[in-house]
Amino acid sequence: MPEVLKAPLVVEFPFTRSLGPVQSAFLTGLRERVVLGVRTTDGRTLVPPVEYDPVTADELRDLVGVAPTGTVTTWAWNHAPRRGQPLDTPFAWVLVRLDGADTALLHALDAPGPDTVRTGMRVRVRWARERSGAVTDIACFEPYDGESDEPGAHDGRFADMVTGIVTPARLDYVYSPGRAQSAYIEALSERRTVGERCPLCRKVYVPPRGACPTCGVATAEQVEVGPRGTVTTYCIVNIKARNLDIEVPYVYAHIALDGADLALHGRIGGIPYDQVRMGLRVEPVWTRDSRHPDHYRPAGEPDADYETYKELL
């Protein structure tokens, strides 16, 4: 039985979005230490503000200021803050209904411990020292025993409005490929490609999944396929990826390895991008220390007939 592998993985990218008039005013207000809500047609004030009434779907544009003080409506203690969270010491996640608002805002509460937090406690905004027009301009909330602040009067008009934001999205996780894919990866380290055959439909899946997606039964019979295969379809990549040392344009293709009933994907090299075509016969190219093919190149064989791979598109 091969060792079941696992590895830490990170998926990370910057998410860029433009802001409409309501969110633009809200985030610009935070930069100026002003909290804005939006008033609905029935007189409620929503914080954070939204562009459309969640009940009636009416368009909302009537921006109003609310106070930086408020009341905790519910909370949960965070014993072990993670990277990128508002505080690096244990804190409470809280929903706070700011004075003058009818809905609650989610943020962090800096408190000594869970025994000091309660529903109904009074809190106020702690502003970040440096503000740029983001929800992080509110560094957190903090307990507050003083007088209630009056809701601020503001129409949402500011100089130099924030019109767009870039939010880094990141997911850290540990991935275990399971028995079938662990065996597949181990075979790649020996420069072999191994799939698994379904005992009912007899299809060979590469990479193997441990079960046949058509029949729903477990697969166990290992079948070595390739190493050569056929390009079934492809795309030309014109955008250079960060940390990927490949010049654009280049081609990524679905490749049906000989003996497999499922196409896998790989980069095509050794041929101009505009000469890659469906039916092209290819073979893997390994680098000295790689655990998988670096890319596939033309195998020097005649193109495959469409009828031989049309079911694998």
Protein backbone atom coordinates (compact mmCIF):
# COMPACT_ATOMS: atom_id res chain seq x y z
CA MET A 1 0.00 0.00 0.00
CA PRO A 2 1.63 3.32 -1.04
CA GLU A 3 1.96 6.14 1.46
CA VAL A 4 -0.96 8.59 1.36
CA LEU A 5 0.54 11.98 0.68
CA LYS A 6 -0.36 15.41 2.01
CA ALA A 7 1.01 18.89 1.42
CA PRO A 8 0.28 22.47 2.49
CA LEU A 9 -1.20 24.50 -0.36
CA VAL A 10 -1.99 28.20 -0.80
CA VAL A 11 -4.46 29.74 -3.23
CA GLU A 12 -3.94 33.49 -3.38
CA PHE A 13 -4.93 36.28 -5.75
CA PRO A 14 -5.80 40.00 -5.60
CA PHE A 15 -9.52 40.62 -6.11
CA THR A 16 -10.12 43.98 -7.77
CA ARG A 17 -13.56 45.56 -7.89
CA SER A 18 -15.07 48.92 -8.68
CA LEU A 19 -17.44 50.62 -6.26
CA GLY A 20 -20.86 52.06 -6.92
CA PRO A 21 -21.96 55.36 -5.40
CA VAL A 22 -23.11 53.84 -2.10
CA GLN A 23 -20.07 51.68 -1.33
CA SER A 24 -17.77 54.42 -2.61
CA ALA A 25 -19.26 56.89 -0.12
CA PHE A 26 -19.19 54.33 2.72
CA LEU A 27 -15.50 53.50 2.32
CA THR A 28 -14.49 57.10 1.67
CA GLY A 29 -16.36 58.01 4.85
CA LEU A 30 -14.37 55.48 6.86
CA ARG A 31 -11.20 57.10 5.57
CA GLU A 32 -12.53 60.39 6.98
CA ARG A 33 -13.68 58.77 10.27
CA VAL A 34 -17.34 58.99 9.29
CA VAL A 35 -19.68 55.99 9.34
CA LEU A 36 -22.47 56.16 6.79
CA GLY A 37 -25.65 54.17 6.45
CA VAL A 38 -28.38 54.29 3.84
CA ARG A 39 -32.02 55.06 4.58
CA THR A 40 -34.76 52.85 3.15
CA THR A 41 -38.16 54.06 1.96
CA ASP A 42 -39.76 52.86 5.21
CA GLY A 43 -37.26 54.83 7.33
CA ARG A 44 -34.79 52.13 8.38
CA THR A 45 -31.06 52.88 8.31
CA LEU A 46 -28.87 50.06 7.05
CA VAL A 47 -25.21 49.80 8.09
CA PRO A 48 -23.20 48.73 6.17
CA PRO A 49 -25.16 50.47 3.42
CA VAL A 50 -26.41 48.56 0.39
CA GLU A 51 -27.54 49.81 -3.01
CA TYR A 52 -30.89 48.00 -3.00
CA ASP A 53 -33.42 47.41 -0.24
CA PRO A 54 -33.16 43.72 0.75
CA VAL A 55 -36.93 43.64 1.41
CA THR A 56 -38.45 45.67 -1.43
CA ALA A 57 -35.50 45.72 -3.91
CA ASP A 58 -35.91 49.49 -4.18
CA GLU A 59 -32.81 51.41 -5.24
CA LEU A 60 -31.27 53.20 -2.25
CA ARG A 61 -29.23 56.41 -2.41
CA ASP A 62 -30.18 58.40 0.72
CA LEU A 63 -26.94 58.30 2.73
CA VAL A 64 -26.96 59.35 6.38
CA GLY A 65 -24.34 59.47 9.09
CA VAL A 66 -24.52 57.25 12.18
CA ALA A 67 -22.59 57.35 15.43
CA PRO A 68 -19.26 55.54 16.02
CA THR A 69 -20.73 54.15 19.26
CA GLY A 70 -23.12 51.24 19.45
CA THR A 71 -24.40 48.08 21.13
CA VAL A 72 -23.24 44.48 20.75
CA THR A 73 -26.13 42.34 19.53
CA THR A 74 -24.26 39.02 19.51
CA TRP A 75 -20.67 37.79 19.68
CA ALA A 76 -18.26 34.84 19.47
CA TRP A 77 -14.81 34.57 21.04
CA ASN A 78 -11.81 33.93 18.78
CA HIS A 79 -9.19 32.09 20.85
CA ALA A 80 -6.59 31.77 18.07
CA PRO A 81 -6.49 34.65 15.55
CA ARG A 82 -5.28 33.73 12.09
CA ARG A 83 -3.03 35.60 9.70
CA GLY A 84 -4.69 38.70 8.28
CA GLN A 85 -7.40 39.01 10.96
CA PRO A 86 -7.97 42.41 12.61
CA LEU A 87 -6.04 41.61 15.83
CA ASP A 88 -3.15 39.26 16.56
CA THR A 89 -4.29 38.55 20.12
CA PRO A 90 -7.51 36.72 21.11
CA PHE A 91 -10.59 38.87 20.47
CA ALA A 92 -14.35 38.67 19.98
CA TRP A 93 -16.16 38.76 16.69
CA VAL A 94 -19.15 41.01 17.31
CA LEU A 95 -22.22 42.30 15.54
CA VAL A 96 -22.60 45.95 16.55
CA ARG A 97 -25.72 48.04 15.96
CA LEU A 98 -24.33 51.56 15.80
CA ASP A 99 -26.40 54.35 17.33
CA GLY A 100 -28.74 55.58 14.62
CA ALA A 101 -28.66 52.31 12.67
CA ASP A 102 -31.23 49.52 12.44
CA THR A 103 -28.85 46.75 11.38
CA ALA A 104 -25.57 45.45 12.80
CA LEU A 105 -22.02 45.67 11.48
CA LEU A 106 -19.61 42.73 11.82
CA HIS A 107 -16.16 43.53 13.17
CA ALA A 108 -13.66 42.66 15.91
CA LEU A 109 -13.88 43.72 19.57
CA ASP A 110 -10.65 44.15 21.51
CA ALA A 111 -11.51 42.75 24.94
CA PRO A 112 -9.41 41.20 27.75
CA GLY A 113 -11.26 37.88 27.66
CA PRO A 114 -14.58 36.18 26.87
CA ASP A 115 -15.85 36.82 30.39
CA THR A 116 -15.75 40.57 29.68
CA VAL A 117 -17.98 40.39 26.60
CA ARG A 118 -21.74 40.28 26.69
CA THR A 119 -24.72 40.98 24.49
CA GLY A 120 -25.90 44.51 25.13
CA MET A 121 -22.48 45.93 26.05
CA ARG A 122 -21.61 49.36 24.75
CA VAL A 123 -18.70 49.79 22.37
CA ARG A 124 -17.16 52.39 20.08
CA VAL A 125 -15.03 52.43 16.98
CA ARG A 126 -11.25 52.45 17.32
CA TRP A 127 -9.96 54.06 14.15
CA ALA A 128 -6.81 52.87 12.39
CA ARG A 129 -3.90 55.30 12.47
CA GLU A 130 -3.53 55.18 8.70
CA ARG A 131 -6.71 54.98 6.66
CA SER A 132 -7.12 54.40 2.95
CA GLY A 133 -10.82 53.86 2.35
CA ALA A 134 -11.39 50.24 3.45
CA VAL A 135 -13.32 48.46 6.17
CA THR A 136 -9.96 48.01 7.94
CA ASP A 137 -10.02 51.78 8.57
CA ILE A 138 -12.03 50.60 11.56
CA ALA A 139 -9.17 48.90 13.42
CA CYS A 140 -11.68 47.27 15.77
CA PHE A 141 -14.27 48.12 18.40
CA GLU A 142 -13.44 48.68 22.06
CA PRO A 143 -15.56 48.70 25.24
CA TYR A 144 -17.04 52.12 25.97
CA ASP A 145 -18.69 53.47 29.13
CA GLY A 146 -19.08 57.09 28.08
CA GLU A 147 -22.01 59.08 26.79
CA SER A 148 -23.67 57.98 23.58
CA ASP A 149 -22.50 59.89 20.54
CA GLU A 150 -25.17 61.53 18.44
CA PRO A 151 -25.45 60.18 14.90
CA GLY A 152 -23.41 62.37 12.58
CA ALA A 153 -25.06 64.40 9.86
CA HIS A 154 -23.50 63.70 6.47
CA ASP A 155 -24.74 63.35 2.90
CA GLY A 156 -21.90 61.15 1.67
CA ARG A 157 -20.10 63.79 -0.34
CA PHE A 158 -16.33 63.85 0.00
CA ALA A 159 -13.36 65.10 -1.95
CA ASP A 160 -11.24 62.46 -3.68
CA MET A 161 -13.75 59.61 -3.50
CA VAL A 162 -12.56 56.01 -3.29
CA THR A 163 -13.84 54.38 -6.49
CA GLY A 164 -12.21 50.94 -6.37
CA ILE A 165 -10.54 48.51 -4.00
CA VAL A 166 -8.10 45.62 -4.26
CA THR A 167 -8.72 42.87 -1.73
CA PRO A 168 -6.19 40.05 -1.37
CA ALA A 169 -7.94 36.70 -1.26
CA ARG A 170 -5.96 33.82 0.27
CA LEU A 171 -6.79 30.28 1.29
CA ASP A 172 -4.27 28.17 3.23
CA TYR A 173 -5.07 24.49 3.52
CA VAL A 174 -3.53 21.03 3.74
CA TYR A 175 -4.45 18.79 0.83
CA SER A 176 -4.37 15.01 0.96
CA PRO A 177 -4.85 13.44 -2.48
CA GLY A 178 -6.00 10.10 -1.05
CA ARG A 179 -4.99 6.56 -1.96
CA ALA A 180 -5.61 6.71 -5.72
CA GLN A 181 -3.94 10.02 -6.44
CA SER A 182 -1.07 9.27 -4.03
CA ALA A 183 -0.29 6.21 -6.15
CA TYR A 184 -0.58 8.35 -9.28
CA ILE A 185 1.89 10.91 -7.90
CA GLU A 186 4.33 8.23 -6.76
CA ALA A 187 4.27 6.71 -10.26
CA LEU A 188 5.03 10.13 -11.76
CA SER A 189 8.19 10.25 -9.64
CA GLU A 190 9.25 7.17 -11.60
CA ARG A 191 8.25 8.88 -14.87
CA ARG A 192 5.26 6.60 -15.32
CA THR A 193 1.60 7.60 -15.64
CA VAL A 194 -0.83 5.28 -13.89
CA GLY A 195 -4.62 5.43 -13.91
CA GLU A 196 -7.34 3.18 -12.51
CA ARG A 197 -9.94 1.14 -14.40
CA CYS A 198 -13.61 0.98 -13.49
CA PRO A 199 -14.68 -2.65 -12.93
CA LEU A 200 -18.06 -2.00 -14.60
CA CYS A 201 -17.64 0.36 -17.57
CA ARG A 202 -13.92 -0.49 -17.97
CA LYS A 203 -12.95 3.16 -18.47
CA VAL A 204 -9.45 4.15 -17.35
CA TYR A 205 -9.30 7.41 -15.43
CA VAL A 206 -6.14 9.52 -15.36
CA PRO A 207 -5.57 11.05 -12.89
CA PRO A 208 -7.48 8.41 -10.91
CA ARG A 209 -10.19 9.55 -8.52
CA GLY A 210 -10.66 6.40 -6.45
CA ALA A 211 -14.15 5.90 -7.86
CA CYS A 212 -15.76 5.92 -11.27
CA PRO A 213 -17.75 9.16 -11.71
CA THR A 214 -20.09 7.38 -14.16
CA CYS A 215 -20.80 4.14 -12.31
CA GLY A 216 -20.17 5.34 -8.75
CA VAL A 217 -18.12 2.29 -7.79
CA ALA A 218 -14.63 2.12 -6.30
CA THR A 219 -11.69 1.63 -8.63
CA ALA A 220 -8.58 -0.31 -7.68
CA GLU A 221 -7.10 -1.91 -10.81
CA GLN A 222 -4.06 0.16 -11.83
CA VAL A 223 -3.34 0.66 -15.51
CA GLU A 224 -0.21 2.31 -16.92
CA VAL A 225 -1.02 4.64 -19.83
CA GLY A 226 0.89 6.81 -22.28
CA PRO A 227 3.46 8.17 -22.25
CA ARG A 228 2.29 9.63 -25.57
CA GLY A 229 -1.10 11.14 -26.19
CA THR A 230 -3.33 13.30 -28.36
CA VAL A 231 -4.29 16.96 -27.99
CA THR A 232 -8.09 16.98 -27.82
CA THR A 233 -8.57 20.72 -27.30
CA TYR A 234 -6.48 23.66 -26.15
CA CYS A 235 -6.31 27.35 -25.31
CA ILE A 236 -3.72 30.05 -25.96
CA VAL A 237 -2.66 31.92 -22.81
CA ASN A 238 -1.81 35.60 -23.35
CA ILE A 239 -1.66 36.79 -19.73
CA LYS A 240 1.58 36.24 -17.83
CA ALA A 241 1.02 34.70 -14.43
CA ARG A 242 2.92 35.94 -11.42
CA ASN A 243 5.77 33.65 -10.30
CA LEU A 244 5.48 31.59 -13.49
CA ASP A 245 8.57 31.86 -15.66
CA ILE A 246 6.91 31.10 -19.00
CA GLU A 247 6.82 33.60 -21.81
CA VAL A 248 3.45 34.38 -23.35
CA PRO A 249 1.76 33.39 -25.49
CA TYR A 250 1.82 29.69 -24.66
CA VAL A 251 -0.62 26.82 -25.02
CA TYR A 252 -2.38 24.71 -22.39
CA ALA A 253 -4.13 21.65 -23.75
CA HIS A 254 -6.26 18.70 -22.79
CA ILE A 255 -4.24 15.60 -23.64
CA ALA A 256 -5.73 12.13 -23.92
CA LEU A 257 -2.87 9.76 -23.09
CA ASP A 258 -2.85 6.49 -24.99
CA GLY A 259 -4.96 4.00 -23.06
CA ALA A 260 -6.80 6.62 -20.97
CA ASP A 261 -10.49 7.51 -21.15
CA LEU A 262 -10.09 10.94 -19.57
CA ALA A 263 -7.97 13.82 -20.86
CA LEU A 264 -5.57 15.56 -18.49
CA HIS A 265 -4.13 19.02 -19.03
CA GLY A 266 -0.57 20.07 -19.74
CA ARG A 267 1.47 22.78 -21.40
CA ILE A 268 2.52 22.31 -25.02
CA GLY A 269 6.07 23.32 -25.96
CA GLY A 270 8.57 22.70 -28.72
CA ILE A 271 6.21 24.11 -31.34
CA PRO A 272 4.98 27.66 -32.16
CA TYR A 273 1.73 28.37 -30.34
CA ASP A 274 -0.13 29.00 -33.60
CA GLN A 275 0.78 25.54 -34.90
CA VAL A 276 -0.82 23.62 -32.02
CA ARG A 277 -3.95 21.85 -33.22
CA MET A 278 -6.53 19.27 -32.21
CA GLY A 279 -5.27 15.77 -32.94
CA LEU A 280 -1.61 16.70 -32.49
CA ARG A 281 0.35 13.73 -31.15
CA VAL A 282 2.57 14.68 -28.20
CA GLU A 283 5.00 13.15 -25.71
CA PRO A 284 6.10 14.28 -22.22
CA VAL A 285 9.28 16.24 -21.51
CA TRP A 286 10.78 15.77 -18.05
CA THR A 287 13.25 18.08 -16.37
CA ARG A 288 16.04 16.63 -14.26
CA ASP A 289 14.39 17.03 -10.86
CA SER A 290 10.69 17.26 -11.75
CA ARG A 291 8.07 14.91 -10.32
CA HIS A 292 5.78 15.45 -13.30
CA PRO A 293 6.20 16.34 -16.99
CA ASP A 294 7.34 19.92 -17.48
CA HIS A 295 5.45 20.08 -20.77
CA TYR A 296 4.49 18.03 -23.81
CA ARG A 297 6.07 18.36 -27.25
CA PRO A 298 5.20 17.02 -30.71
CA ALA A 299 5.92 13.29 -30.93
CA GLY A 300 6.69 13.34 -34.65
CA GLU A 301 3.71 11.14 -35.50
CA PRO A 302 0.81 11.83 -37.90
CA ASP A 303 -2.13 13.64 -36.32
CA ALA A 304 -4.76 11.40 -34.75
CA ASP A 305 -8.07 10.98 -36.55
CA TYR A 306 -10.91 12.96 -34.95
CA GLU A 307 -13.00 9.79 -34.53
CA THR A 308 -10.37 8.39 -32.13
CA TYR A 309 -10.69 11.18 -29.58
CA LYS A 310 -14.04 12.89 -30.16
CA GLU A 311 -15.53 11.25 -27.04
CA LEU A 312 -12.77 12.79 -24.90
CA LEU A 313 -13.37 16.45 -25.76
